[in-house]
Protein backbone atom coordinates (compact mmCIF):
# COMPACT_ATOMS: atom_id res chain seq x y z
CA UNK A 1 94.76 77.27 79.74
CA UNK A 2 96.43 78.32 82.97
CA UNK A 3 97.07 75.64 85.59
CA UNK A 4 97.00 76.29 89.30
CA UNK A 5 100.01 75.49 91.45
CA UNK A 6 98.06 75.21 94.66
CA UNK A 7 95.64 72.32 94.21
CA UNK A 8 97.18 70.06 96.84
CA UNK A 9 98.40 71.54 100.10
CA UNK A 10 99.85 68.24 101.23
CA UNK A 11 102.03 68.00 98.13
CA UNK A 12 103.23 71.54 98.69
CA UNK A 13 104.42 70.51 102.14
CA UNK A 14 102.36 73.25 103.79
CA UNK A 15 99.52 72.88 106.34
CA UNK A 16 95.89 73.03 105.20
CA UNK A 17 94.43 76.56 105.48
CA UNK A 18 91.54 75.08 107.47
CA UNK A 19 94.01 74.80 110.34
CA UNK A 20 95.21 78.33 109.76
CA UNK A 21 96.78 80.18 112.66
CA UNK A 22 98.28 83.66 112.89
CA UNK A 23 101.56 84.97 114.13
CA UNK A 24 102.10 88.54 115.17
CA UNK A 25 102.65 90.57 112.01
CA UNK A 26 106.02 92.16 111.39
CA UNK A 27 106.63 95.61 109.99
CA UNK A 28 107.53 94.04 106.64
CA UNK A 29 104.69 94.35 104.15
CA UNK A 30 104.22 92.15 101.10
CA UNK A 31 101.73 92.73 98.31
CA UNK A 32 100.67 89.72 96.19
CA UNK A 33 99.22 90.40 92.75
CA UNK A 34 97.90 87.10 91.39
CA UNK A 35 94.63 86.18 89.63
CA UNK A 36 94.66 82.44 90.42
CA UNK A 37 92.55 82.37 93.58
CA UNK A 38 93.92 79.07 94.93
CA UNK A 39 97.50 80.21 94.52
CA UNK A 40 96.74 83.64 95.95
CA UNK A 41 95.26 82.10 99.08
CA UNK A 42 98.14 79.65 99.48
CA UNK A 43 100.73 82.43 99.18
CA UNK A 44 98.83 84.66 101.58
CA UNK A 45 98.54 81.83 104.10
CA UNK A 46 102.24 80.94 104.01
CA UNK A 47 103.43 84.52 104.22
CA UNK A 48 101.16 85.32 107.14
CA UNK A 49 102.46 82.19 108.91
CA UNK A 50 105.92 83.75 108.64
CA UNK A 51 104.65 86.92 110.28
CA UNK A 52 104.50 89.20 107.24
CA UNK A 53 101.89 91.89 106.80
CA UNK A 54 100.18 90.68 103.62
CA UNK A 55 97.88 92.46 101.15
CA UNK A 56 96.48 91.01 97.93
CA UNK A 57 95.11 92.05 94.55
CA UNK A 58 93.73 89.96 91.70
CA UNK A 59 94.36 92.31 88.75
CA UNK A 60 97.21 94.46 87.53
CA UNK A 61 95.17 97.64 87.88
CA UNK A 62 94.19 96.84 91.47
CA UNK A 63 97.75 95.87 92.36
CA UNK A 64 99.17 99.07 90.89
CA UNK A 65 96.63 101.16 92.78
CA UNK A 66 97.40 99.35 96.04
CA UNK A 67 101.19 99.71 95.57
CA UNK A 68 100.88 103.42 94.84
CA UNK A 69 98.59 104.08 97.80
CA UNK A 70 100.81 102.21 100.29
CA UNK A 71 104.13 101.00 98.82
CA UNK A 72 104.99 97.51 100.15
CA UNK A 73 108.48 96.35 101.04
CA UNK A 74 108.15 93.55 98.51
CA UNK A 75 105.81 92.75 95.63
CA UNK A 76 105.05 89.23 94.38
CA UNK A 77 103.84 89.89 90.85
CA UNK A 78 102.33 87.43 88.41
CA UNK A 79 103.16 88.34 84.82
CA UNK A 80 100.03 86.84 83.23
CA UNK A 81 97.26 89.04 84.60
CA UNK A 82 93.95 90.07 83.03
CA UNK A 83 93.92 93.61 81.70
CA UNK A 84 97.19 95.29 82.68
CA UNK A 85 99.85 92.57 82.74
CA UNK A 86 102.66 92.22 85.26
CA UNK A 87 105.32 93.72 82.99
CA UNK A 88 103.31 96.94 82.67
CA UNK A 89 102.78 97.04 86.44
CA UNK A 90 106.53 96.60 86.98
CA UNK A 91 107.42 99.27 84.40
CA UNK A 92 105.00 101.79 85.94
CA UNK A 93 106.20 101.23 89.51
CA UNK A 94 109.89 101.43 88.61
CA UNK A 95 109.35 104.69 86.70
CA UNK A 96 108.02 106.58 89.72
CA UNK A 97 110.18 107.86 92.56
CA UNK A 98 107.90 106.79 95.42
CA UNK A 99 107.62 103.19 94.18
CA UNK A 100 110.94 102.64 92.34
CA UNK A 101 112.58 100.97 95.35
CA UNK A 102 109.91 98.29 95.84
CA UNK A 103 111.54 94.85 95.58
CA UNK A 104 109.73 92.71 92.99
CA UNK A 105 109.64 88.94 92.53
CA UNK A 106 107.99 87.90 89.28
CA UNK A 107 105.93 84.72 88.97
CA UNK A 108 106.17 83.27 85.47
CA UNK A 109 105.13 80.15 83.58
CA UNK A 110 107.85 77.93 82.16
CA UNK A 111 108.98 78.94 78.69
CA UNK A 112 108.45 82.68 79.22
CA UNK A 113 112.14 83.44 78.89
CA UNK A 114 111.54 86.64 76.92
CA UNK A 115 109.19 87.99 79.57
CA UNK A 116 111.69 87.10 82.31
CA UNK A 117 114.40 89.11 80.56
CA UNK A 118 112.05 92.04 80.00
CA UNK A 119 110.98 92.02 83.62
CA UNK A 120 114.55 92.02 84.89
CA UNK A 121 115.43 94.83 82.49
CA UNK A 122 112.51 96.82 83.89
CA UNK A 123 113.95 96.46 87.39
CA UNK A 124 112.48 93.28 88.92
CA UNK A 125 114.78 91.70 91.50
CA UNK A 126 114.12 88.00 90.93
CA UNK A 127 111.77 85.52 89.32
CA UNK A 128 110.21 82.17 90.19
CA UNK A 129 108.79 79.86 87.52
CA UNK A 130 105.55 77.95 88.02
CA UNK A 131 104.97 75.41 89.39
CA UNK A 132 107.17 76.17 92.40
CA UNK A 133 107.66 75.11 95.97
CA UNK A 134 106.36 77.62 98.55
CA UNK A 135 109.57 76.98 100.51
CA UNK A 136 111.69 78.05 97.54
CA UNK A 137 109.68 81.23 97.14
CA UNK A 138 110.03 81.93 100.87
CA UNK A 139 113.79 81.51 100.63
CA UNK A 140 113.91 83.97 97.73
CA UNK A 141 111.84 86.47 99.68
CA UNK A 142 114.04 86.19 102.76
CA UNK A 143 117.18 86.58 100.65
CA UNK A 144 115.92 89.75 98.97
CA UNK A 145 114.77 91.29 102.24
CA UNK A 146 118.09 90.39 103.89
CA UNK A 147 120.09 91.96 101.09
CA UNK A 148 117.98 95.12 101.25
CA UNK A 149 118.55 95.36 104.99
CA UNK A 150 122.30 94.76 104.66
CA UNK A 151 122.58 97.29 101.85
CA UNK A 152 120.80 99.93 103.92
CA UNK A 153 123.03 99.24 106.92
CA UNK A 154 126.18 99.26 104.81
CA UNK A 155 125.24 102.51 103.12
CA UNK A 156 124.56 104.17 106.45
CA UNK A 157 127.87 102.97 107.90
CA UNK A 158 130.11 103.48 104.88
CA UNK A 159 128.38 104.52 101.66
CA UNK A 160 131.60 104.32 99.62
CA UNK A 161 132.47 100.68 100.33
CA UNK A 162 130.76 97.53 99.09
CA UNK A 163 131.33 94.19 100.82
CA UNK A 164 130.16 90.93 99.29
CA UNK A 165 131.41 87.56 100.54
CA UNK A 166 135.21 88.00 100.79
CA UNK A 167 135.29 90.89 98.31
CA UNK A 168 135.69 94.50 99.40
CA UNK A 169 135.20 97.25 96.82
CA UNK A 170 136.52 100.70 97.76
CA UNK A 171 134.73 103.10 95.44
CA UNK A 172 136.81 106.15 96.42
CA UNK A 173 140.19 104.46 95.94
CA UNK A 174 138.94 102.37 93.03
CA UNK A 175 140.41 99.26 94.65
CA UNK A 176 139.18 95.69 95.03
CA UNK A 177 140.38 93.20 97.62
CA UNK A 178 139.43 89.51 97.45
CA UNK A 179 140.45 87.16 100.27
CA UNK A 180 142.69 89.95 101.53
CA UNK A 181 144.56 90.35 98.24
CA UNK A 182 144.54 93.47 96.08
CA UNK A 183 143.07 92.59 92.67
CA UNK A 184 144.19 94.48 89.57
CA UNK A 185 141.07 95.19 87.50
CA UNK A 186 140.46 97.26 84.41
CA UNK A 187 137.97 100.13 84.65
CA UNK A 188 135.33 98.02 82.90
CA UNK A 189 135.91 95.01 85.16
CA UNK A 190 135.67 97.27 88.21
CA UNK A 191 132.33 98.65 87.02
CA UNK A 192 131.05 95.15 86.25
CA UNK A 193 131.98 93.78 89.67
CA UNK A 194 130.52 96.84 91.41
CA UNK A 195 127.24 96.42 89.55
CA UNK A 196 126.88 92.73 90.39
CA UNK A 197 128.12 92.93 94.00
CA UNK A 198 126.05 95.98 94.89
CA UNK A 199 122.87 93.88 94.68
CA UNK A 200 123.90 90.33 95.42
CA UNK A 201 121.52 87.71 94.12
CA UNK A 202 119.87 90.00 91.60
CA UNK A 203 120.06 88.81 88.01
CA UNK A 204 121.32 91.36 85.49
CA UNK A 205 120.68 90.77 81.82
CA UNK A 206 123.49 91.36 79.35
CA UNK A 207 121.62 94.37 78.02
CA UNK A 208 121.35 95.86 81.50
CA UNK A 209 125.10 95.39 81.95
CA UNK A 210 125.80 97.07 78.62
CA UNK A 211 123.58 100.02 79.48
CA UNK A 212 125.00 100.35 82.99
CA UNK A 213 128.74 100.00 82.50
CA UNK A 214 129.05 100.85 78.81
CA UNK A 215 126.27 103.47 78.71
CA UNK A 216 124.52 101.51 75.98
CA UNK A 217 127.43 101.82 73.55
CA UNK A 218 126.23 100.10 70.37
CA UNK A 219 129.56 98.43 69.59
CA UNK A 220 129.43 96.42 72.82
CA UNK A 221 127.77 93.06 72.20
CA UNK A 222 126.45 90.28 74.43
CA UNK A 223 129.58 88.32 73.52
CA UNK A 224 131.74 91.19 74.79
CA UNK A 225 129.97 91.02 78.14
CA UNK A 226 130.57 87.25 78.33
CA UNK A 227 134.30 87.77 77.67
CA UNK A 228 134.51 90.44 80.39
CA UNK A 229 132.79 88.16 82.90
CA UNK A 230 135.24 85.34 82.14
CA UNK A 231 138.17 87.71 82.66
CA UNK A 232 136.73 89.01 85.93
CA UNK A 233 136.16 85.51 87.25
CA UNK A 234 139.72 84.53 86.46
CA UNK A 235 141.19 87.52 88.28
CA UNK A 236 139.04 86.93 91.36
CA UNK A 237 140.17 83.31 91.66
CA UNK A 238 137.91 81.14 93.83
CA UNK A 239 135.73 84.16 94.58
CA UNK A 240 135.00 84.44 90.87
CA UNK A 241 132.83 81.33 91.14
CA UNK A 242 130.24 83.49 92.90
CA UNK A 243 129.54 85.23 89.60
CA UNK A 244 126.94 82.85 88.25
CA UNK A 245 125.56 82.48 84.76
CA UNK A 246 121.76 82.40 84.65
CA UNK A 247 121.09 80.50 81.45
CA UNK A 248 119.24 82.53 78.84
CA UNK A 249 119.10 85.62 81.08
CA UNK A 250 122.42 87.01 82.30
CA UNK A 251 124.59 87.06 85.43
CA UNK A 252 124.38 87.50 89.18
CA UNK A 253 126.70 87.59 92.18
CA UNK A 254 125.67 84.62 94.33
CA UNK A 255 124.60 85.60 97.83
């Protein structure tokens, strides 16, 4: 039996929807696909309070249709949906050019580690496990939108340079500077850092890393990826601490 995460607005720290008020909507659109009505209403309420343009759907089929008709900037996607589940919605959106760039946050129940990994491998940007604090979800949303905005600005200004924290990656010169120092990296370490730093905060599974930087080479194992991450952290010094291990999933470059 599924349990709602929105039974008590006071415990969530958010105002009661009976006192609902509206801010002027921003140009940022968010689509929520969630079949728990209480949770759907709570999410819609909180996002509209922050000024987002919010749309909702209660089934995977309806959410997919809505996303195709008018792609949102960000999709909050429950994995356990009636009919078409969230993983299938994610896979379908990421396989099509006009919806592949939609940022996706998955909502999952605790213990669904396998589904989390599958969702990230399909291209989801982040996940939040139920029950969760609306404030935590809001922080995740803001972080993803901020990174997307920064990435777009950086690409427009200098598409061949990646900057993350105190790391600068020059893709043309194949050079990495951390805290002003030139870092000597192997070709594999360079690819690994580029992958993680290009989308800060996004979790990459070990399999995604293998497929991206090793082109899916069968001889490369999860253990090999772990060893490469350790080596990269060591060479980056204090900056290497930003490469975080997400237990049971993979790695990310902390925003």
